[in-house]
Amino acid sequence: MTTLEGVEGYQTNVDMLASRTTLGKFLFQDALINLHTVEGGTTNIKNGVPKIEDLQTRWTLKVTLKVLPWKPTAVFTGVSIYKVE
C-alpha cells in the first residue's frame, strides 16, 4: 500500500512509472493505466459549509520491467481513495 500526499507526490510517482524520470527510464517501458471507475465527489452541505466527499477510483496498471533480460510485464489492479480537503 502506498500513500501519496499532494499533487507533487502523485505526479512524481506517475512520472517514474511513465519513464519521465531518470530512474523510470532505466527501469520501465510501455506503462499503461486503465481507469475503470470513478465514484464519489458529491458535494454535501454540513452546518452551512459545503463538503466534497472522497473520490474512489478503480484501476489497472501494466508496466514492463526493461531492466531484466526477459522483460517481464507486471499487472496491478487497485483502488485509490482521494481525500478532498
C-alpha atoms as a PDB file:
ATOM      1  CA  MET A   1       0.000   0.000   0.000  1.00  0.00           C
ATOM      2  CA  THR A   2       1.272   3.444  -0.893  1.00  0.00           C
ATOM      3  CA  THR A   3       0.198   6.775   0.487  1.00  0.00           C
ATOM      4  CA  LEU A   4       0.841   9.897  -1.549  1.00  0.00           C
ATOM      5  CA  GLU A   5       0.116  13.411  -0.386  1.00  0.00           C
ATOM      6  CA  GLY A   6      -0.398  16.411  -2.590  1.00  0.00           C
ATOM      7  CA  VAL A   7      -0.202  16.814  -6.329  1.00  0.00           C
ATOM      8  CA  GLU A   8       3.610  16.763  -6.339  1.00  0.00           C
ATOM      9  CA  GLY A   9       3.854  13.343  -4.656  1.00  0.00           C
ATOM     10  CA  TYR A  10       1.325  11.839  -7.037  1.00  0.00           C
ATOM     11  CA  GLN A  11       2.971  13.456 -10.078  1.00  0.00           C
ATOM     12  CA  THR A  12       6.436  12.174  -9.116  1.00  0.00           C
ATOM     13  CA  ASN A  13       5.107   8.608  -8.867  1.00  0.00           C
ATOM     14  CA  VAL A  14       3.285   8.828 -12.202  1.00  0.00           C
ATOM     15  CA  ASP A  15       6.356  10.360 -13.898  1.00  0.00           C
ATOM     16  CA  MET A  16       8.555   7.485 -12.699  1.00  0.00           C
ATOM     17  CA  LEU A  17       6.125   4.813 -13.919  1.00  0.00           C
ATOM     18  CA  ALA A  18       5.745   6.615 -17.260  1.00  0.00           C
ATOM     19  CA  SER A  19       9.564   6.701 -17.721  1.00  0.00           C
ATOM     20  CA  ARG A  20       9.732  10.501 -17.407  1.00  0.00           C
ATOM     21  CA  THR A  21      12.373  10.373 -14.647  1.00  0.00           C
ATOM     22  CA  THR A  22      15.927   9.009 -14.820  1.00  0.00           C
ATOM     23  CA  LEU A  23      15.015   6.032 -12.632  1.00  0.00           C
ATOM     24  CA  GLY A  24      11.829   5.394 -14.590  1.00  0.00           C
ATOM     25  CA  LYS A  25      13.702   5.474 -17.929  1.00  0.00           C
ATOM     26  CA  PHE A  26      16.127   2.898 -16.567  1.00  0.00           C
ATOM     27  CA  LEU A  27      13.502   0.544 -15.082  1.00  0.00           C
ATOM     28  CA  PHE A  28      10.279   0.728 -17.088  1.00  0.00           C
ATOM     29  CA  GLN A  29       8.731   0.782 -20.539  1.00  0.00           C
ATOM     30  CA  ASP A  30       5.234   0.514 -22.010  1.00  0.00           C
ATOM     31  CA  ALA A  31       3.420   1.761 -18.900  1.00  0.00           C
ATOM     32  CA  LEU A  32      -0.363   1.821 -19.207  1.00  0.00           C
ATOM     33  CA  ILE A  33      -3.110   2.627 -16.742  1.00  0.00           C
ATOM     34  CA  ASN A  34      -6.780   1.850 -17.290  1.00  0.00           C
ATOM     35  CA  LEU A  35      -9.209   3.777 -15.133  1.00  0.00           C
ATOM     36  CA  HIS A  36     -12.285   1.583 -14.666  1.00  0.00           C
ATOM     37  CA  THR A  37     -14.494   3.659 -12.354  1.00  0.00           C
ATOM     38  CA  VAL A  38     -14.582   6.967 -10.518  1.00  0.00           C
ATOM     39  CA  GLU A  39     -17.109   7.286  -7.691  1.00  0.00           C
ATOM     40  CA  GLY A  40     -17.894   9.854  -5.033  1.00  0.00           C
ATOM     41  CA  GLY A  41     -17.060  13.525  -5.166  1.00  0.00           C
ATOM     42  CA  THR A  42     -20.592  14.514  -4.262  1.00  0.00           C
ATOM     43  CA  THR A  43     -20.953  17.906  -2.638  1.00  0.00           C
ATOM     44  CA  ASN A  44     -22.935  17.982   0.621  1.00  0.00           C
ATOM     45  CA  ILE A  45     -23.776  20.916   2.855  1.00  0.00           C
ATOM     46  CA  LYS A  46     -22.985  20.308   6.540  1.00  0.00           C
ATOM     47  CA  ASN A  47     -23.713  23.100   9.000  1.00  0.00           C
ATOM     48  CA  GLY A  48     -23.896  25.525   6.099  1.00  0.00           C
ATOM     49  CA  VAL A  49     -20.437  24.540   4.815  1.00  0.00           C
ATOM     50  CA  PRO A  50     -20.029  22.689   1.514  1.00  0.00           C
ATOM     51  CA  LYS A  51     -18.067  19.445   1.827  1.00  0.00           C
ATOM     52  CA  ILE A  52     -16.882  17.264  -1.035  1.00  0.00           C
ATOM     53  CA  GLU A  53     -16.954  13.516  -0.390  1.00  0.00           C
ATOM     54  CA  ASP A  54     -13.860  11.401  -1.010  1.00  0.00           C
ATOM     55  CA  LEU A  55     -13.284  10.131  -4.539  1.00  0.00           C
ATOM     56  CA  GLN A  56     -12.654   6.439  -5.127  1.00  0.00           C
ATOM     57  CA  THR A  57     -11.110   5.068  -8.325  1.00  0.00           C
ATOM     58  CA  ARG A  58     -10.588   1.502  -9.516  1.00  0.00           C
ATOM     59  CA  TRP A  59      -7.728   0.968 -11.947  1.00  0.00           C
ATOM     60  CA  THR A  60      -5.310  -1.462 -13.592  1.00  0.00           C
ATOM     61  CA  LEU A  61      -1.630  -0.610 -14.092  1.00  0.00           C
ATOM     62  CA  LYS A  62       0.561  -2.510 -16.564  1.00  0.00           C
ATOM     63  CA  VAL A  63       4.310  -1.894 -16.843  1.00  0.00           C
ATOM     64  CA  THR A  64       7.230  -3.753 -18.391  1.00  0.00           C
ATOM     65  CA  LEU A  65      10.461  -4.051 -16.392  1.00  0.00           C
ATOM     66  CA  LYS A  66      13.062  -3.478 -19.073  1.00  0.00           C
ATOM     67  CA  VAL A  67      15.970  -3.755 -16.624  1.00  0.00           C
ATOM     68  CA  LEU A  68      15.604  -7.555 -16.579  1.00  0.00           C
ATOM     69  CA  PRO A  69      16.784  -9.568 -19.610  1.00  0.00           C
ATOM     70  CA  TRP A  70      13.418 -11.340 -20.117  1.00  0.00           C
ATOM     71  CA  LYS A  71      11.472  -8.038 -19.717  1.00  0.00           C
ATOM     72  CA  PRO A  72       8.546  -9.271 -17.614  1.00  0.00           C
ATOM     73  CA  THR A  73       5.304  -7.335 -17.612  1.00  0.00           C
ATOM     74  CA  ALA A  74       3.673  -6.665 -14.259  1.00  0.00           C
ATOM     75  CA  VAL A  75      -0.064  -6.026 -13.950  1.00  0.00           C
ATOM     76  CA  PHE A  76      -1.543  -4.489 -10.805  1.00  0.00           C
ATOM     77  CA  THR A  77      -5.169  -3.738 -10.022  1.00  0.00           C
ATOM     78  CA  GLY A  78      -6.120  -1.397  -7.254  1.00  0.00           C
ATOM     79  CA  VAL A  79      -8.362   1.112  -5.589  1.00  0.00           C
ATOM     80  CA  SER A  80      -7.288   4.671  -4.834  1.00  0.00           C
ATOM     81  CA  ILE A  81      -9.136   6.892  -2.391  1.00  0.00           C
ATOM     82  CA  TYR A  82      -8.619  10.631  -2.730  1.00  0.00           C
ATOM     83  CA  LYS A  83      -9.446  12.787   0.262  1.00  0.00           C
ATOM     84  CA  VAL A  84     -10.661  16.248  -0.659  1.00  0.00           C
ATOM     85  CA  GLU A  85      -9.904  18.825   1.998  1.00  0.00           C
END
